[in-house]
């Protein structure tokens, strides 16, 4: 691997992701979703930034993701929520398709994890 090149992790096969559908995947213990809109594959955090709804149950309409719980939508290119909602942006991750393999940038996932930074609570020190 060259310096500066990302580490892409194969998470699924293209044949397993139909147009307009979502698929749950894992990258380094982080739960993500793959979605397909035509020939474009998107990868993003598994839970809605608003009420933590499972986005595997979301609808895909063009390059927009419709949350199954509150019907706000997210732009799958920028992550921004639809007008009228004050929400954190949806965390998006780079995807590569090589042959039938779908891979997600593992370094991007670890650098900006879907659930935020993990905390380890140490109750032994005071």
N, C-alpha and C. Protein backbone atom coordinates (compact mmCIF):
# COMPACT_ATOMS: atom_id res chain seq x y z
N UNK A 1 0.85 -1.18 0.00
CA UNK A 1 0.00 0.00 0.00
C UNK A 1 0.89 1.24 0.00
N UNK A 2 0.62 2.18 -0.85
CA UNK A 2 1.39 3.41 -0.93
C UNK A 2 1.02 4.34 0.23
N UNK A 3 1.97 5.19 0.61
CA UNK A 3 1.70 6.19 1.64
C UNK A 3 0.57 7.09 1.16
N UNK A 4 -0.39 7.33 2.01
CA UNK A 4 -1.51 8.19 1.65
C UNK A 4 -2.68 7.45 1.02
N UNK A 5 -2.49 6.18 0.65
CA UNK A 5 -3.57 5.40 0.06
C UNK A 5 -4.44 4.83 1.17
N UNK A 6 -5.73 4.86 0.98
CA UNK A 6 -6.67 4.36 1.99
C UNK A 6 -6.74 2.84 1.97
N UNK A 7 -7.21 2.28 3.07
CA UNK A 7 -7.40 0.84 3.22
C UNK A 7 -8.87 0.53 2.96
N UNK A 8 -9.15 -0.03 1.79
CA UNK A 8 -10.52 -0.39 1.44
C UNK A 8 -10.81 -1.82 1.86
N UNK A 9 -11.97 -2.01 2.50
CA UNK A 9 -12.38 -3.30 3.04
C UNK A 9 -13.57 -3.82 2.23
N UNK A 10 -13.45 -5.01 1.65
CA UNK A 10 -14.56 -5.60 0.90
C UNK A 10 -15.64 -6.03 1.91
N UNK A 11 -16.87 -5.54 1.68
CA UNK A 11 -17.96 -5.80 2.62
C UNK A 11 -19.14 -6.54 2.00
N UNK A 12 -19.21 -6.57 0.67
CA UNK A 12 -20.36 -7.21 0.01
C UNK A 12 -20.05 -7.43 -1.46
N UNK A 13 -20.95 -8.15 -2.10
CA UNK A 13 -20.89 -8.37 -3.55
C UNK A 13 -21.95 -7.50 -4.21
N UNK A 14 -21.64 -6.98 -5.35
CA UNK A 14 -22.56 -6.12 -6.09
C UNK A 14 -23.88 -6.83 -6.36
N UNK A 15 -23.82 -8.10 -6.66
CA UNK A 15 -25.03 -8.86 -6.96
C UNK A 15 -25.97 -8.98 -5.76
N UNK A 16 -25.45 -8.71 -4.53
CA UNK A 16 -26.26 -8.81 -3.31
C UNK A 16 -27.00 -7.52 -2.97
N UNK A 17 -26.79 -6.46 -3.75
CA UNK A 17 -27.40 -5.16 -3.45
C UNK A 17 -28.19 -4.68 -4.66
N UNK A 18 -29.50 -4.83 -4.59
CA UNK A 18 -30.39 -4.42 -5.69
C UNK A 18 -30.59 -2.91 -5.70
N UNK A 19 -30.94 -2.39 -6.86
CA UNK A 19 -31.23 -0.96 -7.01
C UNK A 19 -32.34 -0.55 -6.05
N UNK A 20 -32.13 0.56 -5.33
CA UNK A 20 -33.12 1.08 -4.41
C UNK A 20 -33.14 0.40 -3.05
N UNK A 21 -32.19 -0.49 -2.80
CA UNK A 21 -32.18 -1.25 -1.55
C UNK A 21 -31.00 -0.86 -0.66
N UNK A 22 -31.12 -1.27 0.61
CA UNK A 22 -30.08 -1.06 1.61
C UNK A 22 -29.59 -2.41 2.13
N UNK A 23 -28.35 -2.45 2.58
CA UNK A 23 -27.75 -3.67 3.09
C UNK A 23 -26.89 -3.31 4.30
N UNK A 24 -27.08 -4.04 5.42
CA UNK A 24 -26.26 -3.85 6.62
C UNK A 24 -24.89 -4.50 6.41
N UNK A 25 -23.83 -3.78 6.79
CA UNK A 25 -22.46 -4.30 6.70
C UNK A 25 -21.67 -3.83 7.92
N UNK A 26 -20.52 -4.44 8.13
CA UNK A 26 -19.62 -4.06 9.23
C UNK A 26 -18.24 -3.75 8.67
N UNK A 27 -17.60 -2.72 9.23
CA UNK A 27 -16.21 -2.40 8.94
C UNK A 27 -15.54 -2.15 10.28
N UNK A 28 -14.59 -2.99 10.63
CA UNK A 28 -13.85 -2.83 11.89
C UNK A 28 -14.78 -2.60 13.08
N UNK A 29 -15.78 -3.43 13.24
CA UNK A 29 -16.76 -3.35 14.35
C UNK A 29 -17.68 -2.14 14.29
N UNK A 30 -17.72 -1.45 13.17
CA UNK A 30 -18.64 -0.32 12.99
C UNK A 30 -19.77 -0.74 12.06
N UNK A 31 -21.00 -0.53 12.52
CA UNK A 31 -22.18 -0.89 11.73
C UNK A 31 -22.48 0.21 10.72
N UNK A 32 -22.55 -0.18 9.45
CA UNK A 32 -22.80 0.75 8.35
C UNK A 32 -23.91 0.21 7.46
N UNK A 33 -24.34 1.04 6.53
CA UNK A 33 -25.32 0.66 5.53
C UNK A 33 -24.75 0.95 4.15
N UNK A 34 -24.97 0.02 3.23
CA UNK A 34 -24.74 0.26 1.80
C UNK A 34 -26.09 0.50 1.17
N UNK A 35 -26.16 1.42 0.23
CA UNK A 35 -27.39 1.66 -0.52
C UNK A 35 -27.01 1.80 -1.99
N UNK A 36 -27.96 1.39 -2.84
CA UNK A 36 -27.71 1.46 -4.28
C UNK A 36 -28.80 2.28 -4.95
N UNK A 37 -28.35 3.23 -5.75
CA UNK A 37 -29.26 4.04 -6.58
C UNK A 37 -28.72 3.96 -8.00
N UNK A 38 -29.32 3.08 -8.79
CA UNK A 38 -28.82 2.85 -10.15
C UNK A 38 -27.46 2.20 -10.09
N UNK A 39 -26.48 2.83 -10.72
CA UNK A 39 -25.12 2.29 -10.72
C UNK A 39 -24.25 2.84 -9.59
N UNK A 40 -24.83 3.69 -8.75
CA UNK A 40 -24.06 4.32 -7.68
C UNK A 40 -24.31 3.62 -6.35
N UNK A 41 -23.21 3.35 -5.64
CA UNK A 41 -23.27 2.73 -4.32
C UNK A 41 -22.84 3.76 -3.29
N UNK A 42 -23.59 3.84 -2.20
CA UNK A 42 -23.30 4.76 -1.11
C UNK A 42 -23.06 3.96 0.17
N UNK A 43 -22.20 4.47 1.04
CA UNK A 43 -21.98 3.88 2.36
C UNK A 43 -22.17 4.98 3.40
N UNK A 44 -22.89 4.65 4.48
CA UNK A 44 -23.16 5.66 5.50
C UNK A 44 -23.45 5.00 6.84
N UNK A 45 -23.53 5.82 7.88
CA UNK A 45 -23.79 5.31 9.22
C UNK A 45 -25.11 4.57 9.28
N UNK A 46 -25.20 3.60 10.19
CA UNK A 46 -26.39 2.74 10.24
C UNK A 46 -27.58 3.39 10.94
N UNK A 47 -27.34 4.30 11.86
CA UNK A 47 -28.45 4.90 12.59
C UNK A 47 -28.63 6.36 12.21
N UNK A 48 -29.88 6.79 12.23
CA UNK A 48 -30.21 8.18 11.92
C UNK A 48 -29.58 9.11 12.96
N UNK A 49 -29.00 10.23 12.54
CA UNK A 49 -28.40 11.16 13.50
C UNK A 49 -29.44 11.84 14.40
N UNK A 50 -30.71 11.70 14.07
CA UNK A 50 -31.78 12.37 14.84
C UNK A 50 -32.28 11.49 15.97
N UNK A 51 -32.97 10.40 15.65
CA UNK A 51 -33.57 9.55 16.68
C UNK A 51 -33.02 8.13 16.66
N UNK A 52 -31.89 7.94 16.01
CA UNK A 52 -31.19 6.65 15.97
C UNK A 52 -32.00 5.52 15.33
N UNK A 53 -32.90 5.85 14.42
CA UNK A 53 -33.66 4.82 13.69
C UNK A 53 -32.70 3.99 12.84
N UNK A 54 -33.04 2.73 12.62
CA UNK A 54 -32.23 1.83 11.80
C UNK A 54 -32.41 2.21 10.33
N UNK A 55 -31.37 2.75 9.73
CA UNK A 55 -31.47 3.22 8.35
C UNK A 55 -31.45 2.09 7.33
N UNK A 56 -31.31 0.85 7.76
CA UNK A 56 -31.45 -0.28 6.84
C UNK A 56 -32.89 -0.39 6.36
N UNK A 57 -33.82 0.24 7.08
CA UNK A 57 -35.23 0.23 6.73
C UNK A 57 -35.64 1.49 5.96
N UNK A 58 -34.68 2.31 5.62
CA UNK A 58 -34.94 3.56 4.91
C UNK A 58 -35.29 3.31 3.45
N UNK A 59 -35.89 4.31 2.82
CA UNK A 59 -36.15 4.29 1.37
C UNK A 59 -35.07 5.09 0.67
N UNK A 60 -34.73 4.66 -0.53
CA UNK A 60 -33.79 5.38 -1.38
C UNK A 60 -34.59 5.95 -2.53
N UNK A 61 -34.50 7.25 -2.71
CA UNK A 61 -35.16 7.94 -3.83
C UNK A 61 -34.12 8.79 -4.53
N UNK A 62 -33.63 8.28 -5.64
CA UNK A 62 -32.54 8.98 -6.33
C UNK A 62 -31.33 8.97 -5.43
N UNK A 63 -30.75 10.13 -5.19
CA UNK A 63 -29.58 10.24 -4.31
C UNK A 63 -30.00 10.74 -2.93
N UNK A 64 -31.23 10.39 -2.50
CA UNK A 64 -31.72 10.78 -1.17
C UNK A 64 -32.12 9.55 -0.38
N UNK A 65 -31.86 9.62 0.91
CA UNK A 65 -32.24 8.58 1.86
C UNK A 65 -33.38 9.13 2.71
N UNK A 66 -34.48 8.39 2.80
CA UNK A 66 -35.64 8.82 3.58
C UNK A 66 -35.66 8.03 4.88
N UNK A 67 -35.55 8.70 6.02
CA UNK A 67 -35.54 8.04 7.32
C UNK A 67 -36.88 7.36 7.56
N UNK A 68 -36.87 6.11 8.04
CA UNK A 68 -38.13 5.39 8.27
C UNK A 68 -38.90 5.89 9.48
N UNK A 69 -38.27 6.62 10.38
CA UNK A 69 -38.94 7.05 11.59
C UNK A 69 -39.57 8.43 11.46
N UNK A 70 -38.83 9.41 10.96
CA UNK A 70 -39.37 10.77 10.96
C UNK A 70 -39.50 11.39 9.57
N UNK A 71 -39.17 10.63 8.55
CA UNK A 71 -39.34 11.01 7.14
C UNK A 71 -38.51 12.19 6.67
N UNK A 72 -37.55 12.63 7.48
CA UNK A 72 -36.59 13.60 6.96
C UNK A 72 -35.75 12.85 5.93
N UNK A 73 -35.16 13.58 5.00
CA UNK A 73 -34.31 12.91 4.02
C UNK A 73 -32.89 13.47 4.11
N UNK A 74 -31.96 12.66 3.65
CA UNK A 74 -30.55 13.04 3.66
C UNK A 74 -29.99 12.91 2.25
N UNK A 75 -29.21 13.90 1.85
CA UNK A 75 -28.53 13.87 0.56
C UNK A 75 -27.39 12.87 0.67
N UNK A 76 -27.35 11.86 -0.19
CA UNK A 76 -26.33 10.83 -0.11
C UNK A 76 -24.99 11.25 -0.72
N UNK A 77 -24.92 12.47 -1.23
CA UNK A 77 -23.65 13.00 -1.72
C UNK A 77 -23.00 13.89 -0.66
N UNK A 78 -23.82 14.72 0.03
CA UNK A 78 -23.29 15.65 1.03
C UNK A 78 -23.57 15.23 2.47
N UNK A 79 -24.60 14.41 2.68
CA UNK A 79 -25.00 14.01 4.03
C UNK A 79 -25.98 14.98 4.68
N UNK A 80 -26.24 16.12 4.06
CA UNK A 80 -27.10 17.14 4.65
C UNK A 80 -28.56 16.70 4.71
N UNK A 81 -29.23 17.08 5.81
CA UNK A 81 -30.65 16.78 5.98
C UNK A 81 -31.49 17.72 5.12
N UNK A 82 -32.72 17.30 4.85
CA UNK A 82 -33.65 18.11 4.06
C UNK A 82 -33.99 19.40 4.80
N UNK A 83 -34.47 20.37 4.04
CA UNK A 83 -34.83 21.69 4.58
C UNK A 83 -35.85 21.54 5.70
N UNK A 84 -35.69 22.38 6.72
CA UNK A 84 -36.63 22.36 7.84
C UNK A 84 -36.17 21.52 9.01
N UNK A 85 -35.12 20.74 8.84
CA UNK A 85 -34.60 19.89 9.90
C UNK A 85 -33.25 20.42 10.36
N UNK A 86 -33.06 20.53 11.66
CA UNK A 86 -31.77 20.91 12.22
C UNK A 86 -31.15 19.64 12.79
N UNK A 87 -30.44 18.94 11.95
CA UNK A 87 -29.86 17.65 12.31
C UNK A 87 -28.39 17.62 11.94
N UNK A 88 -27.65 16.77 12.63
CA UNK A 88 -26.28 16.52 12.20
C UNK A 88 -26.33 15.87 10.83
N UNK A 89 -25.31 16.12 10.04
CA UNK A 89 -25.24 15.49 8.72
C UNK A 89 -25.04 13.99 8.88
N UNK A 90 -25.53 13.25 7.92
CA UNK A 90 -25.33 11.81 7.85
C UNK A 90 -23.85 11.56 7.53
N UNK A 91 -23.20 10.67 8.26
CA UNK A 91 -21.79 10.38 7.98
C UNK A 91 -21.71 9.44 6.79
N UNK A 92 -20.99 9.87 5.77
CA UNK A 92 -20.82 9.13 4.52
C UNK A 92 -19.38 8.65 4.40
N UNK A 93 -19.20 7.53 3.69
CA UNK A 93 -17.87 6.95 3.56
C UNK A 93 -17.60 6.58 2.11
N UNK A 94 -16.34 6.75 1.65
CA UNK A 94 -15.98 6.41 0.27
C UNK A 94 -16.17 4.92 -0.02
N UNK A 95 -16.65 4.65 -1.24
CA UNK A 95 -16.92 3.29 -1.70
C UNK A 95 -16.19 3.06 -3.02
N UNK A 96 -15.70 1.85 -3.18
CA UNK A 96 -15.12 1.41 -4.46
C UNK A 96 -15.81 0.13 -4.88
N UNK A 97 -16.06 0.01 -6.17
CA UNK A 97 -16.58 -1.24 -6.73
C UNK A 97 -15.52 -1.74 -7.72
N UNK A 98 -15.02 -2.94 -7.45
CA UNK A 98 -14.03 -3.57 -8.32
C UNK A 98 -14.57 -4.93 -8.69
N UNK A 99 -14.95 -5.07 -9.97
CA UNK A 99 -15.60 -6.31 -10.40
C UNK A 99 -16.93 -6.43 -9.69
N UNK A 100 -17.10 -7.48 -8.91
CA UNK A 100 -18.34 -7.70 -8.15
C UNK A 100 -18.18 -7.32 -6.68
N UNK A 101 -16.99 -6.86 -6.28
CA UNK A 101 -16.72 -6.53 -4.88
C UNK A 101 -17.05 -5.08 -4.57
N UNK A 102 -17.75 -4.88 -3.45
CA UNK A 102 -18.01 -3.54 -2.93
C UNK A 102 -17.13 -3.36 -1.71
N UNK A 103 -16.32 -2.30 -1.70
CA UNK A 103 -15.39 -2.04 -0.60
C UNK A 103 -15.61 -0.63 -0.06
N UNK A 104 -15.45 -0.50 1.25
CA UNK A 104 -15.58 0.79 1.95
C UNK A 104 -14.22 1.18 2.49
N UNK A 105 -13.93 2.47 2.48
CA UNK A 105 -12.67 3.00 3.01
C UNK A 105 -12.64 2.82 4.53
N UNK A 106 -11.93 1.79 4.99
CA UNK A 106 -11.85 1.49 6.42
C UNK A 106 -11.16 2.58 7.21
N UNK A 107 -10.18 3.26 6.62
CA UNK A 107 -9.50 4.34 7.32
C UNK A 107 -10.45 5.52 7.56
N UNK A 108 -11.33 5.80 6.60
CA UNK A 108 -12.30 6.88 6.76
C UNK A 108 -13.30 6.53 7.86
N UNK A 109 -13.71 5.27 7.92
CA UNK A 109 -14.65 4.83 8.96
C UNK A 109 -14.02 4.97 10.34
N UNK A 110 -12.78 4.50 10.48
CA UNK A 110 -12.11 4.57 11.78
C UNK A 110 -11.76 6.01 12.17
N UNK A 111 -11.48 6.84 11.19
CA UNK A 111 -11.14 8.23 11.44
C UNK A 111 -12.34 9.10 11.80
N UNK A 112 -13.52 8.70 11.36
CA UNK A 112 -14.76 9.43 11.64
C UNK A 112 -15.86 8.39 11.90
N UNK A 113 -15.77 7.69 13.05
CA UNK A 113 -16.67 6.57 13.29
C UNK A 113 -18.14 6.98 13.33
N UNK A 114 -19.01 6.08 12.90
CA UNK A 114 -20.43 6.40 12.80
C UNK A 114 -21.07 6.77 14.14
N UNK A 115 -20.59 6.20 15.23
CA UNK A 115 -21.17 6.52 16.54
C UNK A 115 -20.39 7.58 17.29
N UNK A 116 -19.46 8.23 16.63
CA UNK A 116 -18.60 9.19 17.31
C UNK A 116 -17.43 8.48 17.96
N UNK A 117 -16.62 9.22 18.66
CA UNK A 117 -15.47 8.64 19.33
C UNK A 117 -15.93 7.72 20.45
N UNK A 118 -15.30 6.56 20.55
CA UNK A 118 -15.61 5.62 21.62
C UNK A 118 -14.98 6.09 22.91
N UNK A 119 -15.72 5.96 24.01
CA UNK A 119 -15.20 6.33 25.32
C UNK A 119 -15.00 5.06 26.14
N UNK A 120 -13.91 5.03 26.87
CA UNK A 120 -13.66 3.95 27.81
C UNK A 120 -13.74 4.57 29.19
N UNK A 121 -14.70 4.10 29.96
CA UNK A 121 -14.89 4.64 31.31
C UNK A 121 -14.00 3.89 32.28
N UNK A 122 -13.21 4.59 33.04
CA UNK A 122 -12.31 3.99 34.03
C UNK A 122 -12.78 4.44 35.41
N UNK A 123 -13.44 3.52 36.12
CA UNK A 123 -13.98 3.84 37.44
C UNK A 123 -12.97 3.53 38.55
N UNK A 124 -11.80 3.03 38.18
CA UNK A 124 -10.82 2.69 39.21
C UNK A 124 -9.96 3.89 39.59
N UNK A 125 -9.83 4.86 38.72
CA UNK A 125 -9.01 6.03 39.05
C UNK A 125 -9.91 7.18 39.45
N UNK A 126 -9.44 7.95 40.39
CA UNK A 126 -10.25 9.09 40.86
C UNK A 126 -9.39 10.33 40.95
